Amino acid sequence: MKDVMAWADHFERWLREAEGKSKGFSTQFLYRLLQYTDMAQNFEKKQEVKDLLYKSYLMYDLKRNFDPETDAARKLQELAWLDKEMRYLRVPLHKTLYKNRKYNLSGGDNELSE
């Protein structure tokens, strides 16, 4: 679990580094990564080959939207082939998405965030 939660730190750092850029790491990408994670989990349960397409989708997403020389692109390309880690990314993804919500970043009064 420790290795999986380290991804949350990577995601948060990559979001900060990509701030203001039109391509690359973004919250939209994190939501797509969440879909790929769902597909990986579905494959484990149902063994339907169509769910393995998450690997192709992720690689296409990386090639289209990322500079291949970045740390994020390299680590995420490796992740595409680590089935076990891919299935467990839901928690770090949700943690990062929640922490970086515009409401939270703008200092909104959210009693649940404490």
N, C-alpha and C. Protein backbone atom coordinates (compact mmCIF):
# COMPACT_ATOMS: atom_id res chain seq x y z
N MET A 1 0.83 -1.19 0.00
CA MET A 1 0.00 0.00 0.00
C MET A 1 0.87 1.26 0.00
N LYS A 2 2.01 1.17 0.66
CA LYS A 2 2.90 2.32 0.72
C LYS A 2 3.35 2.75 -0.68
N ASP A 3 3.67 1.76 -1.53
CA ASP A 3 4.08 2.07 -2.90
C ASP A 3 2.95 2.71 -3.70
N VAL A 4 1.75 2.22 -3.48
CA VAL A 4 0.59 2.75 -4.20
C VAL A 4 0.32 4.19 -3.77
N MET A 5 0.39 4.46 -2.47
CA MET A 5 0.12 5.82 -1.99
C MET A 5 1.20 6.81 -2.40
N ALA A 6 2.38 6.31 -2.74
CA ALA A 6 3.43 7.21 -3.24
C ALA A 6 3.01 7.86 -4.55
N TRP A 7 2.10 7.20 -5.26
CA TRP A 7 1.60 7.79 -6.51
C TRP A 7 0.86 9.10 -6.24
N ALA A 8 0.19 9.23 -5.12
CA ALA A 8 -0.51 10.49 -4.79
C ALA A 8 0.49 11.64 -4.75
N ASP A 9 1.65 11.40 -4.18
CA ASP A 9 2.69 12.45 -4.14
C ASP A 9 3.15 12.80 -5.54
N HIS A 10 3.34 11.79 -6.38
CA HIS A 10 3.73 12.05 -7.78
C HIS A 10 2.65 12.87 -8.48
N PHE A 11 1.40 12.46 -8.33
CA PHE A 11 0.30 13.15 -9.01
C PHE A 11 0.23 14.62 -8.59
N GLU A 12 0.34 14.87 -7.30
CA GLU A 12 0.27 16.25 -6.81
C GLU A 12 1.44 17.08 -7.34
N ARG A 13 2.63 16.53 -7.34
CA ARG A 13 3.80 17.25 -7.85
C ARG A 13 3.64 17.54 -9.33
N TRP A 14 3.19 16.55 -10.11
CA TRP A 14 3.02 16.74 -11.55
C TRP A 14 1.94 17.76 -11.84
N LEU A 15 0.89 17.80 -11.04
CA LEU A 15 -0.15 18.82 -11.23
C LEU A 15 0.43 20.22 -11.02
N ARG A 16 1.22 20.38 -9.96
CA ARG A 16 1.84 21.69 -9.70
C ARG A 16 2.78 22.09 -10.83
N GLU A 17 3.58 21.14 -11.31
CA GLU A 17 4.53 21.43 -12.38
C GLU A 17 3.83 21.80 -13.69
N ALA A 18 2.67 21.23 -13.93
CA ALA A 18 1.95 21.45 -15.19
C ALA A 18 1.01 22.64 -15.14
N GLU A 19 0.92 23.29 -14.02
CA GLU A 19 0.00 24.41 -13.86
C GLU A 19 0.25 25.47 -14.93
N GLY A 20 -0.81 25.87 -15.61
CA GLY A 20 -0.73 26.89 -16.65
C GLY A 20 -0.34 26.38 -18.02
N LYS A 21 0.00 25.11 -18.15
CA LYS A 21 0.36 24.56 -19.45
C LYS A 21 -0.88 23.98 -20.12
N SER A 22 -0.89 24.03 -21.44
CA SER A 22 -2.08 23.56 -22.16
C SER A 22 -2.10 22.04 -22.36
N LYS A 23 -0.93 21.41 -22.31
CA LYS A 23 -0.86 19.96 -22.51
C LYS A 23 -0.18 19.32 -21.32
N GLY A 24 -0.37 18.03 -21.19
CA GLY A 24 0.32 17.27 -20.16
C GLY A 24 -0.58 16.90 -19.01
N PHE A 25 -0.01 16.95 -17.84
CA PHE A 25 -0.70 16.47 -16.65
C PHE A 25 -1.77 17.47 -16.22
N SER A 26 -2.99 16.97 -15.98
CA SER A 26 -4.11 17.83 -15.59
C SER A 26 -5.12 17.01 -14.80
N THR A 27 -6.09 17.69 -14.21
CA THR A 27 -7.14 16.95 -13.51
C THR A 27 -7.97 16.13 -14.50
N GLN A 28 -8.12 16.63 -15.73
CA GLN A 28 -8.83 15.85 -16.74
C GLN A 28 -8.11 14.53 -17.00
N PHE A 29 -6.78 14.60 -17.05
CA PHE A 29 -6.01 13.37 -17.25
C PHE A 29 -6.21 12.43 -16.07
N LEU A 30 -6.26 12.96 -14.85
CA LEU A 30 -6.48 12.11 -13.67
C LEU A 30 -7.83 11.41 -13.74
N TYR A 31 -8.84 12.10 -14.23
CA TYR A 31 -10.15 11.46 -14.39
C TYR A 31 -10.10 10.35 -15.44
N ARG A 32 -9.35 10.57 -16.53
CA ARG A 32 -9.19 9.50 -17.52
C ARG A 32 -8.41 8.33 -16.91
N LEU A 33 -7.41 8.64 -16.11
CA LEU A 33 -6.63 7.59 -15.44
C LEU A 33 -7.53 6.79 -14.50
N LEU A 34 -8.49 7.45 -13.89
CA LEU A 34 -9.47 6.76 -13.04
C LEU A 34 -10.29 5.77 -13.87
N GLN A 35 -10.65 6.15 -15.08
CA GLN A 35 -11.38 5.24 -15.97
C GLN A 35 -10.50 4.04 -16.34
N TYR A 36 -9.22 4.30 -16.61
CA TYR A 36 -8.32 3.20 -16.95
C TYR A 36 -8.17 2.24 -15.77
N THR A 37 -8.16 2.80 -14.57
CA THR A 37 -8.08 1.98 -13.36
C THR A 37 -9.31 1.08 -13.24
N ASP A 38 -10.48 1.65 -13.54
CA ASP A 38 -11.71 0.86 -13.52
C ASP A 38 -11.62 -0.30 -14.51
N MET A 39 -11.08 -0.02 -15.68
CA MET A 39 -10.96 -1.08 -16.69
C MET A 39 -10.01 -2.18 -16.20
N ALA A 40 -8.93 -1.80 -15.54
CA ALA A 40 -7.98 -2.79 -15.02
C ALA A 40 -8.65 -3.66 -13.96
N GLN A 41 -9.46 -3.04 -13.10
CA GLN A 41 -10.17 -3.80 -12.07
C GLN A 41 -11.20 -4.72 -12.70
N ASN A 42 -11.90 -4.23 -13.72
CA ASN A 42 -12.90 -5.07 -14.40
C ASN A 42 -12.24 -6.27 -15.07
N PHE A 43 -11.06 -6.06 -15.65
CA PHE A 43 -10.38 -7.19 -16.28
C PHE A 43 -10.04 -8.26 -15.25
N GLU A 44 -9.59 -7.83 -14.09
CA GLU A 44 -9.24 -8.80 -13.05
C GLU A 44 -10.46 -9.63 -12.64
N LYS A 45 -11.63 -8.99 -12.57
CA LYS A 45 -12.84 -9.68 -12.13
C LYS A 45 -13.45 -10.55 -13.23
N LYS A 46 -13.61 -9.97 -14.43
CA LYS A 46 -14.38 -10.64 -15.48
C LYS A 46 -13.53 -11.31 -16.55
N GLN A 47 -12.24 -10.95 -16.63
CA GLN A 47 -11.33 -11.50 -17.63
C GLN A 47 -11.82 -11.26 -19.05
N GLU A 48 -12.44 -10.12 -19.29
CA GLU A 48 -12.86 -9.76 -20.64
C GLU A 48 -11.74 -8.96 -21.30
N VAL A 49 -11.36 -9.40 -22.47
CA VAL A 49 -10.22 -8.82 -23.16
C VAL A 49 -10.42 -7.32 -23.44
N LYS A 50 -11.63 -6.89 -23.68
CA LYS A 50 -11.89 -5.47 -24.00
C LYS A 50 -11.42 -4.55 -22.87
N ASP A 51 -11.41 -5.05 -21.65
CA ASP A 51 -10.97 -4.22 -20.53
C ASP A 51 -9.46 -4.02 -20.52
N LEU A 52 -8.72 -4.84 -21.26
CA LEU A 52 -7.27 -4.65 -21.37
C LEU A 52 -6.91 -3.46 -22.26
N LEU A 53 -7.90 -2.90 -22.93
CA LEU A 53 -7.65 -1.74 -23.77
C LEU A 53 -7.14 -0.54 -22.97
N TYR A 54 -7.28 -0.59 -21.64
CA TYR A 54 -6.79 0.54 -20.85
C TYR A 54 -5.30 0.78 -21.11
N LYS A 55 -4.56 -0.27 -21.40
CA LYS A 55 -3.12 -0.10 -21.67
C LYS A 55 -2.91 0.73 -22.94
N SER A 56 -3.66 0.40 -23.97
CA SER A 56 -3.55 1.15 -25.22
C SER A 56 -4.05 2.58 -25.06
N TYR A 57 -5.16 2.75 -24.35
CA TYR A 57 -5.70 4.08 -24.13
C TYR A 57 -4.70 4.96 -23.36
N LEU A 58 -4.10 4.39 -22.34
CA LEU A 58 -3.14 5.16 -21.54
C LEU A 58 -1.92 5.52 -22.39
N MET A 59 -1.40 4.58 -23.14
CA MET A 59 -0.23 4.86 -23.97
C MET A 59 -0.55 5.92 -25.03
N TYR A 60 -1.73 5.83 -25.64
CA TYR A 60 -2.14 6.83 -26.63
C TYR A 60 -2.26 8.20 -25.96
N ASP A 61 -2.88 8.24 -24.79
CA ASP A 61 -3.04 9.48 -24.04
C ASP A 61 -1.68 10.11 -23.74
N LEU A 62 -0.73 9.29 -23.33
CA LEU A 62 0.61 9.79 -23.02
C LEU A 62 1.32 10.32 -24.26
N LYS A 63 1.22 9.57 -25.36
CA LYS A 63 1.89 10.00 -26.60
C LYS A 63 1.28 11.28 -27.15
N ARG A 64 0.00 11.43 -26.99
CA ARG A 64 -0.70 12.59 -27.54
C ARG A 64 -0.52 13.84 -26.68
N ASN A 65 -0.49 13.68 -25.37
CA ASN A 65 -0.56 14.84 -24.48
C ASN A 65 0.69 15.14 -23.66
N PHE A 66 1.70 14.29 -23.71
CA PHE A 66 2.86 14.47 -22.86
C PHE A 66 4.14 14.54 -23.67
N ASP A 67 5.09 15.31 -23.17
CA ASP A 67 6.44 15.29 -23.70
C ASP A 67 7.07 13.99 -23.19
N PRO A 68 7.57 13.15 -24.09
CA PRO A 68 8.08 11.84 -23.66
C PRO A 68 9.29 11.92 -22.73
N GLU A 69 9.93 13.07 -22.66
CA GLU A 69 11.12 13.23 -21.82
C GLU A 69 10.79 13.57 -20.37
N THR A 70 9.53 13.82 -20.06
CA THR A 70 9.18 14.21 -18.69
C THR A 70 9.15 13.00 -17.76
N ASP A 71 9.36 13.28 -16.49
CA ASP A 71 9.31 12.26 -15.46
C ASP A 71 7.92 11.61 -15.42
N ALA A 72 6.89 12.43 -15.55
CA ALA A 72 5.51 11.91 -15.51
C ALA A 72 5.28 10.91 -16.63
N ALA A 73 5.67 11.25 -17.85
CA ALA A 73 5.45 10.35 -18.99
C ALA A 73 6.19 9.03 -18.80
N ARG A 74 7.42 9.10 -18.35
CA ARG A 74 8.19 7.86 -18.17
C ARG A 74 7.57 6.96 -17.10
N LYS A 75 7.24 7.54 -15.95
CA LYS A 75 6.66 6.73 -14.86
C LYS A 75 5.30 6.17 -15.25
N LEU A 76 4.49 6.96 -15.96
CA LEU A 76 3.16 6.49 -16.34
C LEU A 76 3.23 5.42 -17.43
N GLN A 77 4.23 5.48 -18.29
CA GLN A 77 4.41 4.41 -19.28
C GLN A 77 4.74 3.10 -18.58
N GLU A 78 5.55 3.17 -17.55
CA GLU A 78 5.85 1.97 -16.77
C GLU A 78 4.60 1.45 -16.08
N LEU A 79 3.81 2.38 -15.57
CA LEU A 79 2.59 2.01 -14.84
C LEU A 79 1.62 1.23 -15.72
N ALA A 80 1.57 1.55 -16.98
CA ALA A 80 0.63 0.87 -17.89
C ALA A 80 0.84 -0.64 -17.88
N TRP A 81 2.04 -1.09 -17.54
CA TRP A 81 2.34 -2.52 -17.57
C TRP A 81 2.38 -3.14 -16.17
N LEU A 82 2.12 -2.34 -15.15
CA LEU A 82 2.08 -2.85 -13.77
C LEU A 82 0.62 -3.05 -13.37
N ASP A 83 0.06 -4.17 -13.75
CA ASP A 83 -1.37 -4.42 -13.57
C ASP A 83 -1.82 -4.27 -12.12
N LYS A 84 -1.05 -4.81 -11.20
CA LYS A 84 -1.47 -4.77 -9.79
C LYS A 84 -1.54 -3.34 -9.28
N GLU A 85 -0.51 -2.54 -9.56
CA GLU A 85 -0.53 -1.14 -9.12
C GLU A 85 -1.65 -0.37 -9.80
N MET A 86 -1.85 -0.64 -11.07
CA MET A 86 -2.90 0.06 -11.81
C MET A 86 -4.27 -0.17 -11.18
N ARG A 87 -4.51 -1.37 -10.71
CA ARG A 87 -5.81 -1.69 -10.11
C ARG A 87 -6.03 -0.97 -8.79
N TYR A 88 -4.95 -0.61 -8.10
CA TYR A 88 -5.08 -0.01 -6.78
C TYR A 88 -4.90 1.51 -6.77
N LEU A 89 -4.91 2.14 -7.92
CA LEU A 89 -4.68 3.58 -7.98
C LEU A 89 -5.89 4.44 -7.60
N ARG A 90 -7.01 3.83 -7.39
CA ARG A 90 -8.22 4.62 -7.08
C ARG A 90 -8.02 5.54 -5.88
N VAL A 91 -7.44 5.03 -4.82
CA VAL A 91 -7.29 5.84 -3.59
C VAL A 91 -6.36 7.02 -3.82
N PRO A 92 -5.14 6.81 -4.36
CA PRO A 92 -4.29 7.97 -4.59
C PRO A 92 -4.89 8.98 -5.59
N LEU A 93 -5.61 8.47 -6.59
CA LEU A 93 -6.25 9.37 -7.54
C LEU A 93 -7.32 10.23 -6.87
N HIS A 94 -8.16 9.58 -6.08
CA HIS A 94 -9.21 10.34 -5.38
C HIS A 94 -8.60 11.32 -4.39
N LYS A 95 -7.55 10.91 -3.71
CA LYS A 95 -6.89 11.80 -2.76
C LYS A 95 -6.38 13.06 -3.47
N THR A 96 -5.72 12.86 -4.59
CA THR A 96 -5.16 13.98 -5.35
C THR A 96 -6.27 14.87 -5.90
N LEU A 97 -7.29 14.25 -6.47
CA LEU A 97 -8.39 15.04 -7.04
C LEU A 97 -9.10 15.86 -5.97
N TYR A 98 -9.35 15.25 -4.83
CA TYR A 98 -10.04 15.96 -3.76
C TYR A 98 -9.18 17.10 -3.22
N LYS A 99 -7.90 16.82 -3.03
CA LYS A 99 -7.00 17.83 -2.48
C LYS A 99 -6.86 19.03 -3.41
N ASN A 100 -7.02 18.80 -4.70
CA ASN A 100 -6.82 19.86 -5.69
C ASN A 100 -8.12 20.41 -6.27
N ARG A 101 -9.22 20.16 -5.61
CA ARG A 101 -10.48 20.73 -6.06
C ARG A 101 -10.41 22.25 -5.96
N LYS A 102 -11.01 22.94 -6.92
CA LYS A 102 -10.97 24.40 -6.91
C LYS A 102 -11.58 24.95 -5.62
N TYR A 103 -12.61 24.30 -5.12
CA TYR A 103 -13.27 24.75 -3.89
C TYR A 103 -12.28 24.73 -2.73
N ASN A 104 -11.53 23.67 -2.61
CA ASN A 104 -10.55 23.54 -1.53
C ASN A 104 -9.40 24.53 -1.72
N LEU A 105 -8.95 24.71 -2.95
CA LEU A 105 -7.82 25.59 -3.22
C LEU A 105 -8.16 27.05 -3.00
N SER A 106 -9.43 27.41 -3.18
CA SER A 106 -9.84 28.80 -3.00
C SER A 106 -10.16 29.12 -1.55
N GLY A 107 -9.96 28.17 -0.66
CA GLY A 107 -10.18 28.43 0.76
C GLY A 107 -11.64 28.35 1.15
N GLY A 108 -12.42 27.58 0.42
CA GLY A 108 -13.84 27.42 0.73
C GLY A 108 -14.05 26.84 2.12
N ASP A 109 -15.16 27.18 2.72
CA ASP A 109 -15.48 26.70 4.06
C ASP A 109 -16.09 25.32 3.95
N ASN A 110 -15.24 24.31 4.06
CA ASN A 110 -15.68 22.94 3.92
C ASN A 110 -15.35 22.19 5.21
N GLU A 111 -16.35 21.95 6.02
CA GLU A 111 -16.13 21.30 7.30
C GLU A 111 -15.60 19.88 7.15
N LEU A 112 -15.91 19.22 6.04
CA LEU A 112 -15.47 17.84 5.85
C LEU A 112 -13.99 17.74 5.52
N SER A 113 -13.37 18.83 5.06
CA SER A 113 -11.97 18.74 4.65
C SER A 113 -11.00 18.75 5.82
N GLU A 114 -11.48 18.98 7.01
CA GLU A 114 -10.57 19.02 8.17
C GLU A 114 -10.47 17.69 8.86
